[in-house]
């Protein structure tokens, strides 16, 4: 019995070490032309991302939210204007890029610029992958016990770890193939350079020999 419980304890320990805190609470100042405040999280392709934003009150302020990725083209997953209270959004990651949740807090033009600093409080929670799955709903639907629900959650997290390891393995193989290809090209270029230098040297010898013969400097 103890031998069977040991792997489960190791898995649970590994899961605990891999969990990250995705909840954050911050103030976002308001201005006429506000800069974007972005919170970034890593996500794998096909991963479910649940974004829960609880926005505090702010008179004369308009808070916009935009979800983008860190790719070169900055793909926009969603864009909402004037969010208030608690809002919940769900997206699916398309590529191996970081997902950024960006906020802009606009100050209404009717609000006088009296030198007061206005801001809103945002309580943001980002759940990715297994953390985004509603296991309570699954337990109610499939009539699972508390232990079975926890095991289902551990199964999902372990699957994410396995997928992460597979991705790292694939990326390592790709880098290794790139290194081998680069090394082969460098070797080919080196041999080409040596052959070119040898050929140029031989051509110079025959050219100088012919030149000296024309000038009757050598026989």
C-alpha atoms as a PDB file:
ATOM      1  CA  UNK A   1       0.000   0.000   0.000  1.00  0.00           C
ATOM      2  CA  UNK A   2       2.827   2.363   0.881  1.00  0.00           C
ATOM      3  CA  UNK A   3       4.592   1.534  -2.407  1.00  0.00           C
ATOM      4  CA  UNK A   4       1.454   2.509  -4.334  1.00  0.00           C
ATOM      5  CA  UNK A   5       1.006   5.772  -2.415  1.00  0.00           C
ATOM      6  CA  UNK A   6       4.602   6.880  -3.026  1.00  0.00           C
ATOM      7  CA  UNK A   7       4.205   7.628  -6.767  1.00  0.00           C
ATOM      8  CA  UNK A   8       0.986   9.517  -6.034  1.00  0.00           C
ATOM      9  CA  UNK A   9       2.763  11.614  -3.424  1.00  0.00           C
ATOM     10  CA  UNK A  10       5.584  12.347  -5.872  1.00  0.00           C
ATOM     11  CA  UNK A  11       3.088  13.422  -8.519  1.00  0.00           C
ATOM     12  CA  UNK A  12       1.258  15.629  -6.029  1.00  0.00           C
ATOM     13  CA  UNK A  13       4.558  17.209  -4.967  1.00  0.00           C
ATOM     14  CA  UNK A  14       5.495  17.849  -8.588  1.00  0.00           C
ATOM     15  CA  UNK A  15       2.102  19.414  -9.243  1.00  0.00           C
ATOM     16  CA  UNK A  16       2.444  21.691  -6.235  1.00  0.00           C
ATOM     17  CA  UNK A  17       5.856  22.834  -7.425  1.00  0.00           C
ATOM     18  CA  UNK A  18       4.583  23.606 -10.910  1.00  0.00           C
ATOM     19  CA  UNK A  19       1.574  25.672  -9.836  1.00  0.00           C
ATOM     20  CA  UNK A  20       1.847  29.440 -10.230  1.00  0.00           C
ATOM     21  CA  UNK A  21      -0.139  32.244  -8.698  1.00  0.00           C
ATOM     22  CA  UNK A  22      -2.160  33.889 -11.479  1.00  0.00           C
ATOM     23  CA  UNK A  23      -4.314  36.233  -9.342  1.00  0.00           C
ATOM     24  CA  UNK A  24      -3.205  39.848  -9.062  1.00  0.00           C
ATOM     25  CA  UNK A  25      -4.746  43.048  -7.730  1.00  0.00           C
ATOM     26  CA  UNK A  26      -3.567  46.474  -8.847  1.00  0.00           C
ATOM     27  CA  UNK A  27      -4.557  50.113  -9.384  1.00  0.00           C
ATOM     28  CA  UNK A  28      -4.654  51.475 -12.909  1.00  0.00           C
ATOM     29  CA  UNK A  29      -4.490  55.288 -13.263  1.00  0.00           C
ATOM     30  CA  UNK A  30      -6.844  57.125 -15.609  1.00  0.00           C
ATOM     31  CA  UNK A  31      -5.769  59.670 -18.211  1.00  0.00           C
ATOM     32  CA  UNK A  32      -6.842  61.086 -21.553  1.00  0.00           C
ATOM     33  CA  UNK A  33      -4.352  58.903 -23.446  1.00  0.00           C
ATOM     34  CA  UNK A  34      -3.530  56.043 -21.068  1.00  0.00           C
ATOM     35  CA  UNK A  35      -0.770  53.538 -21.768  1.00  0.00           C
ATOM     36  CA  UNK A  36      -1.651  49.860 -21.753  1.00  0.00           C
ATOM     37  CA  UNK A  37      -0.981  47.871 -18.599  1.00  0.00           C
ATOM     38  CA  UNK A  38      -0.482  44.227 -19.616  1.00  0.00           C
ATOM     39  CA  UNK A  39      -0.248  41.061 -17.525  1.00  0.00           C
ATOM     40  CA  UNK A  40       1.483  38.211 -19.389  1.00  0.00           C
ATOM     41  CA  UNK A  41       1.117  34.458 -18.924  1.00  0.00           C
ATOM     42  CA  UNK A  42       2.593  31.572 -20.900  1.00  0.00           C
ATOM     43  CA  UNK A  43       0.136  29.318 -22.747  1.00  0.00           C
ATOM     44  CA  UNK A  44       0.387  26.329 -25.074  1.00  0.00           C
ATOM     45  CA  UNK A  45      -1.527  25.926 -28.355  1.00  0.00           C
ATOM     46  CA  UNK A  46      -5.082  24.769 -27.731  1.00  0.00           C
ATOM     47  CA  UNK A  47      -4.959  25.665 -24.032  1.00  0.00           C
ATOM     48  CA  UNK A  48      -8.131  27.070 -22.499  1.00  0.00           C
ATOM     49  CA  UNK A  49      -7.607  30.475 -20.870  1.00  0.00           C
ATOM     50  CA  UNK A  50     -10.205  31.839 -18.447  1.00  0.00           C
ATOM     51  CA  UNK A  51      -9.838  35.527 -17.564  1.00  0.00           C
ATOM     52  CA  UNK A  52     -11.784  36.868 -14.597  1.00  0.00           C
ATOM     53  CA  UNK A  53     -11.572  40.634 -14.055  1.00  0.00           C
ATOM     54  CA  UNK A  54     -13.287  42.340 -11.135  1.00  0.00           C
ATOM     55  CA  UNK A  55     -13.239  46.072 -11.834  1.00  0.00           C
ATOM     56  CA  UNK A  56     -13.852  48.565  -9.045  1.00  0.00           C
ATOM     57  CA  UNK A  57     -15.947  51.729  -9.445  1.00  0.00           C
ATOM     58  CA  UNK A  58     -14.490  54.796 -11.114  1.00  0.00           C
ATOM     59  CA  UNK A  59     -16.482  57.945 -11.805  1.00  0.00           C
ATOM     60  CA  UNK A  60     -15.739  59.528 -15.168  1.00  0.00           C
ATOM     61  CA  UNK A  61     -13.515  56.606 -16.179  1.00  0.00           C
ATOM     62  CA  UNK A  62     -13.799  53.996 -18.919  1.00  0.00           C
ATOM     63  CA  UNK A  63     -11.791  50.799 -18.631  1.00  0.00           C
ATOM     64  CA  UNK A  64     -11.109  48.798 -21.790  1.00  0.00           C
ATOM     65  CA  UNK A  65      -9.656  45.290 -21.927  1.00  0.00           C
ATOM     66  CA  UNK A  66      -7.784  43.625 -24.762  1.00  0.00           C
ATOM     67  CA  UNK A  67      -6.261  40.144 -24.892  1.00  0.00           C
ATOM     68  CA  UNK A  68      -3.314  39.729 -27.256  1.00  0.00           C
ATOM     69  CA  UNK A  69      -0.371  37.393 -27.712  1.00  0.00           C
ATOM     70  CA  UNK A  70       3.357  38.086 -27.890  1.00  0.00           C
ATOM     71  CA  UNK A  71       3.728  37.165 -31.558  1.00  0.00           C
ATOM     72  CA  UNK A  72       5.181  39.613 -34.068  1.00  0.00           C
ATOM     73  CA  UNK A  73       1.729  40.537 -35.373  1.00  0.00           C
ATOM     74  CA  UNK A  74       0.144  40.875 -31.886  1.00  0.00           C
ATOM     75  CA  UNK A  75      -2.920  38.751 -32.572  1.00  0.00           C
ATOM     76  CA  UNK A  76      -5.998  40.103 -30.771  1.00  0.00           C
ATOM     77  CA  UNK A  77      -8.136  37.419 -29.097  1.00  0.00           C
ATOM     78  CA  UNK A  78     -10.771  39.769 -27.740  1.00  0.00           C
ATOM     79  CA  UNK A  79     -11.382  43.460 -27.174  1.00  0.00           C
ATOM     80  CA  UNK A  80     -14.058  44.897 -24.858  1.00  0.00           C
ATOM     81  CA  UNK A  81     -14.790  48.495 -23.952  1.00  0.00           C
ATOM     82  CA  UNK A  82     -16.160  49.985 -20.749  1.00  0.00           C
ATOM     83  CA  UNK A  83     -16.128  46.932 -18.491  1.00  0.00           C
ATOM     84  CA  UNK A  84     -17.477  47.221 -14.968  1.00  0.00           C
ATOM     85  CA  UNK A  85     -17.921  44.845 -12.068  1.00  0.00           C
ATOM     86  CA  UNK A  86     -16.953  41.210 -12.476  1.00  0.00           C
ATOM     87  CA  UNK A  87     -16.405  40.003 -16.032  1.00  0.00           C
ATOM     88  CA  UNK A  88     -15.388  36.561 -17.210  1.00  0.00           C
ATOM     89  CA  UNK A  89     -13.848  35.814 -20.604  1.00  0.00           C
ATOM     90  CA  UNK A  90     -12.734  32.546 -22.206  1.00  0.00           C
ATOM     91  CA  UNK A  91     -10.282  32.175 -25.095  1.00  0.00           C
ATOM     92  CA  UNK A  92      -8.231  29.389 -26.645  1.00  0.00           C
ATOM     93  CA  UNK A  93      -4.530  29.928 -27.297  1.00  0.00           C
ATOM     94  CA  UNK A  94      -3.552  29.500 -30.950  1.00  0.00           C
ATOM     95  CA  UNK A  95       0.233  29.341 -30.741  1.00  0.00           C
ATOM     96  CA  UNK A  96       3.149  28.835 -28.371  1.00  0.00           C
ATOM     97  CA  UNK A  97       3.131  32.475 -27.274  1.00  0.00           C
ATOM     98  CA  UNK A  98       2.571  34.447 -24.089  1.00  0.00           C
ATOM     99  CA  UNK A  99      -0.976  35.704 -23.576  1.00  0.00           C
ATOM    100  CA  UNK A 100      -1.253  39.331 -22.482  1.00  0.00           C
ATOM    101  CA  UNK A 101      -4.297  40.797 -20.717  1.00  0.00           C
ATOM    102  CA  UNK A 102      -4.068  44.554 -21.327  1.00  0.00           C
ATOM    103  CA  UNK A 103      -6.069  47.357 -19.691  1.00  0.00           C
ATOM    104  CA  UNK A 104      -6.465  51.022 -20.610  1.00  0.00           C
ATOM    105  CA  UNK A 105      -8.259  53.370 -18.230  1.00  0.00           C
ATOM    106  CA  UNK A 106      -9.569  56.413 -20.097  1.00  0.00           C
ATOM    107  CA  UNK A 107     -10.533  59.612 -18.284  1.00  0.00           C
ATOM    108  CA  UNK A 108     -13.731  61.114 -19.629  1.00  0.00           C
ATOM    109  CA  UNK A 109     -13.314  64.457 -21.357  1.00  0.00           C
ATOM    110  CA  UNK A 110     -16.083  65.946 -19.202  1.00  0.00           C
ATOM    111  CA  UNK A 111     -14.066  65.367 -16.017  1.00  0.00           C
ATOM    112  CA  UNK A 112     -12.167  68.560 -15.090  1.00  0.00           C
ATOM    113  CA  UNK A 113      -8.403  68.344 -14.875  1.00  0.00           C
ATOM    114  CA  UNK A 114      -8.168  69.517 -11.247  1.00  0.00           C
ATOM    115  CA  UNK A 115      -4.863  67.782 -10.536  1.00  0.00           C
ATOM    116  CA  UNK A 116      -6.453  64.869  -8.701  1.00  0.00           C
ATOM    117  CA  UNK A 117      -5.168  61.401  -9.531  1.00  0.00           C
ATOM    118  CA  UNK A 118      -7.997  59.059 -10.483  1.00  0.00           C
ATOM    119  CA  UNK A 119      -7.641  55.320 -10.743  1.00  0.00           C
ATOM    120  CA  UNK A 120      -9.574  52.076 -10.571  1.00  0.00           C
ATOM    121  CA  UNK A 121      -8.861  48.860  -8.742  1.00  0.00           C
ATOM    122  CA  UNK A 122      -8.669  45.722 -10.872  1.00  0.00           C
ATOM    123  CA  UNK A 123      -8.672  42.224  -9.398  1.00  0.00           C
ATOM    124  CA  UNK A 124      -7.449  39.931 -12.157  1.00  0.00           C
ATOM    125  CA  UNK A 125      -7.388  36.131 -12.156  1.00  0.00           C
ATOM    126  CA  UNK A 126      -6.036  34.176 -15.140  1.00  0.00           C
ATOM    127  CA  UNK A 127      -6.509  30.392 -15.244  1.00  0.00           C
ATOM    128  CA  UNK A 128      -4.813  28.386 -17.971  1.00  0.00           C
ATOM    129  CA  UNK A 129      -5.182  24.750 -18.983  1.00  0.00           C
ATOM    130  CA  UNK A 130      -6.271  22.416 -16.201  1.00  0.00           C
ATOM    131  CA  UNK A 131      -6.763  25.338 -13.816  1.00  0.00           C
ATOM    132  CA  UNK A 132      -9.380  26.762 -16.196  1.00  0.00           C
ATOM    133  CA  UNK A 133     -11.535  23.623 -16.166  1.00  0.00           C
ATOM    134  CA  UNK A 134     -14.605  23.743 -13.916  1.00  0.00           C
ATOM    135  CA  UNK A 135     -14.169  20.445 -12.100  1.00  0.00           C
ATOM    136  CA  UNK A 136     -17.131  21.145  -9.819  1.00  0.00           C
ATOM    137  CA  UNK A 137     -19.415  21.127 -12.845  1.00  0.00           C
ATOM    138  CA  UNK A 138     -17.798  17.904 -14.053  1.00  0.00           C
ATOM    139  CA  UNK A 139     -18.250  16.333 -10.603  1.00  0.00           C
ATOM    140  CA  UNK A 140     -21.928  17.271 -10.549  1.00  0.00           C
ATOM    141  CA  UNK A 141     -22.470  15.992 -14.068  1.00  0.00           C
ATOM    142  CA  UNK A 142     -20.658  12.684 -13.567  1.00  0.00           C
ATOM    143  CA  UNK A 143     -21.528  12.262  -9.870  1.00  0.00           C
ATOM    144  CA  UNK A 144     -17.885  12.147  -8.788  1.00  0.00           C
ATOM    145  CA  UNK A 145     -16.758  12.073  -5.198  1.00  0.00           C
ATOM    146  CA  UNK A 146     -14.384  14.675  -3.784  1.00  0.00           C
ATOM    147  CA  UNK A 147     -11.432  12.274  -4.116  1.00  0.00           C
ATOM    148  CA  UNK A 148     -12.367  11.367  -7.686  1.00  0.00           C
ATOM    149  CA  UNK A 149     -12.691  15.052  -8.561  1.00  0.00           C
ATOM    150  CA  UNK A 150      -9.263  15.788  -7.122  1.00  0.00           C
ATOM    151  CA  UNK A 151      -7.788  12.843  -9.001  1.00  0.00           C
ATOM    152  CA  UNK A 152      -9.373  14.112 -12.219  1.00  0.00           C
ATOM    153  CA  UNK A 153      -7.786  17.489 -11.612  1.00  0.00           C
ATOM    154  CA  UNK A 154      -4.403  15.888 -10.917  1.00  0.00           C
ATOM    155  CA  UNK A 155      -4.784  13.889 -14.115  1.00  0.00           C
ATOM    156  CA  UNK A 156      -5.336  17.077 -16.109  1.00  0.00           C
ATOM    157  CA  UNK A 157      -2.342  18.801 -14.519  1.00  0.00           C
ATOM    158  CA  UNK A 158      -0.089  15.783 -15.074  1.00  0.00           C
ATOM    159  CA  UNK A 159      -1.198  15.709 -18.712  1.00  0.00           C
ATOM    160  CA  UNK A 160      -0.147  19.348 -19.007  1.00  0.00           C
ATOM    161  CA  UNK A 161       3.258  18.464 -17.554  1.00  0.00           C
ATOM    162  CA  UNK A 162       3.635  15.594 -20.044  1.00  0.00           C
ATOM    163  CA  UNK A 163       2.632  17.900 -22.912  1.00  0.00           C
ATOM    164  CA  UNK A 164       5.168  20.456 -21.683  1.00  0.00           C
ATOM    165  CA  UNK A 165       7.900  17.803 -21.642  1.00  0.00           C
ATOM    166  CA  UNK A 166       6.931  16.668 -25.143  1.00  0.00           C
ATOM    167  CA  UNK A 167       7.065  20.261 -26.346  1.00  0.00           C
ATOM    168  CA  UNK A 168      10.501  20.778 -24.794  1.00  0.00           C
ATOM    169  CA  UNK A 169      11.681  17.530 -26.384  1.00  0.00           C
ATOM    170  CA  UNK A 170      10.391  18.615 -29.793  1.00  0.00           C
ATOM    171  CA  UNK A 171      11.988  22.040 -29.449  1.00  0.00           C
ATOM    172  CA  UNK A 172      15.305  20.466 -28.403  1.00  0.00           C
ATOM    173  CA  UNK A 173      15.193  18.170 -31.448  1.00  0.00           C
ATOM    174  CA  UNK A 174      14.459  21.173 -33.672  1.00  0.00           C
ATOM    175  CA  UNK A 175      17.365  23.134 -32.183  1.00  0.00           C
ATOM    176  CA  UNK A 176      19.634  20.114 -32.565  1.00  0.00           C
ATOM    177  CA  UNK A 177      18.644  19.761 -36.229  1.00  0.00           C
ATOM    178  CA  UNK A 178      19.323  23.469 -36.723  1.00  0.00           C
ATOM    179  CA  UNK A 179      22.748  23.146 -35.091  1.00  0.00           C
ATOM    180  CA  UNK A 180      23.647  20.140 -37.256  1.00  0.00           C
ATOM    181  CA  UNK A 181      22.506  21.958 -40.398  1.00  0.00           C
ATOM    182  CA  UNK A 182      24.452  25.101 -39.438  1.00  0.00           C
ATOM    183  CA  UNK A 183      27.553  23.064 -38.633  1.00  0.00           C
ATOM    184  CA  UNK A 184      27.340  21.291 -42.001  1.00  0.00           C
ATOM    185  CA  UNK A 185      26.968  24.595 -43.846  1.00  0.00           C
ATOM    186  CA  UNK A 186      29.919  26.106 -41.974  1.00  0.00           C
ATOM    187  CA  UNK A 187      32.061  23.078 -42.882  1.00  0.00           C
ATOM    188  CA  UNK A 188      31.007  23.285 -46.531  1.00  0.00           C
ATOM    189  CA  UNK A 189      31.783  27.000 -46.587  1.00  0.00           C
ATOM    190  CA  UNK A 190      35.186  26.345 -44.986  1.00  0.00           C
ATOM    191  CA  UNK A 191      36.053  23.703 -47.612  1.00  0.00           C
ATOM    192  CA  UNK A 192      34.852  26.026 -50.369  1.00  0.00           C
ATOM    193  CA  UNK A 193      37.026  28.831 -48.968  1.00  0.00           C
ATOM    194  CA  UNK A 194      40.091  26.550 -48.813  1.00  0.00           C
ATOM    195  CA  UNK A 195      39.480  25.303 -52.368  1.00  0.00           C
ATOM    196  CA  UNK A 196      39.033  28.873 -53.593  1.00  0.00           C
ATOM    197  CA  UNK A 197      42.273  30.014 -51.938  1.00  0.00           C
ATOM    198  CA  UNK A 198      44.190  27.061 -53.377  1.00  0.00           C
ATOM    199  CA  UNK A 199      42.721  27.683 -56.830  1.00  0.00           C
ATOM    200  CA  UNK A 200      43.518  31.387 -56.614  1.00  0.00           C
ATOM    201  CA  UNK A 201      47.068  30.633 -55.517  1.00  0.00           C
ATOM    202  CA  UNK A 202      47.637  28.218 -58.411  1.00  0.00           C
ATOM    203  CA  UNK A 203      46.168  30.744 -60.866  1.00  0.00           C
ATOM    204  CA  UNK A 204      48.473  33.470 -59.526  1.00  0.00           C
ATOM    205  CA  UNK A 205      51.511  31.214 -59.937  1.00  0.00           C
ATOM    206  CA  UNK A 206      50.711  30.444 -63.599  1.00  0.00           C
ATOM    207  CA  UNK A 207      49.738  34.050 -64.280  1.00  0.00           C
ATOM    208  CA  UNK A 208      52.998  35.414 -62.820  1.00  0.00           C
ATOM    209  CA  UNK A 209      54.996  32.731 -64.631  1.00  0.00           C
ATOM    210  CA  UNK A 210      53.447  33.725 -67.945  1.00  0.00           C
ATOM    211  CA  UNK A 211      54.000  37.436 -67.168  1.00  0.00           C
ATOM    212  CA  UNK A 212      57.685  36.949 -66.352  1.00  0.00           C
ATOM    213  CA  UNK A 213      58.148  34.905 -69.524  1.00  0.00           C
ATOM    214  CA  UNK A 214      56.652  37.723 -71.610  1.00  0.00           C
ATOM    215  CA  UNK A 215      59.079  40.143 -69.982  1.00  0.00           C
ATOM    216  CA  UNK A 216      61.977  37.728 -70.629  1.00  0.00           C
ATOM    217  CA  UNK A 217      62.737  37.645 -66.926  1.00  0.00           C
ATOM    218  CA  UNK A 218      62.697  33.852 -66.825  1.00  0.00           C
ATOM    219  CA  UNK A 219      63.118  31.129 -69.388  1.00  0.00           C
END
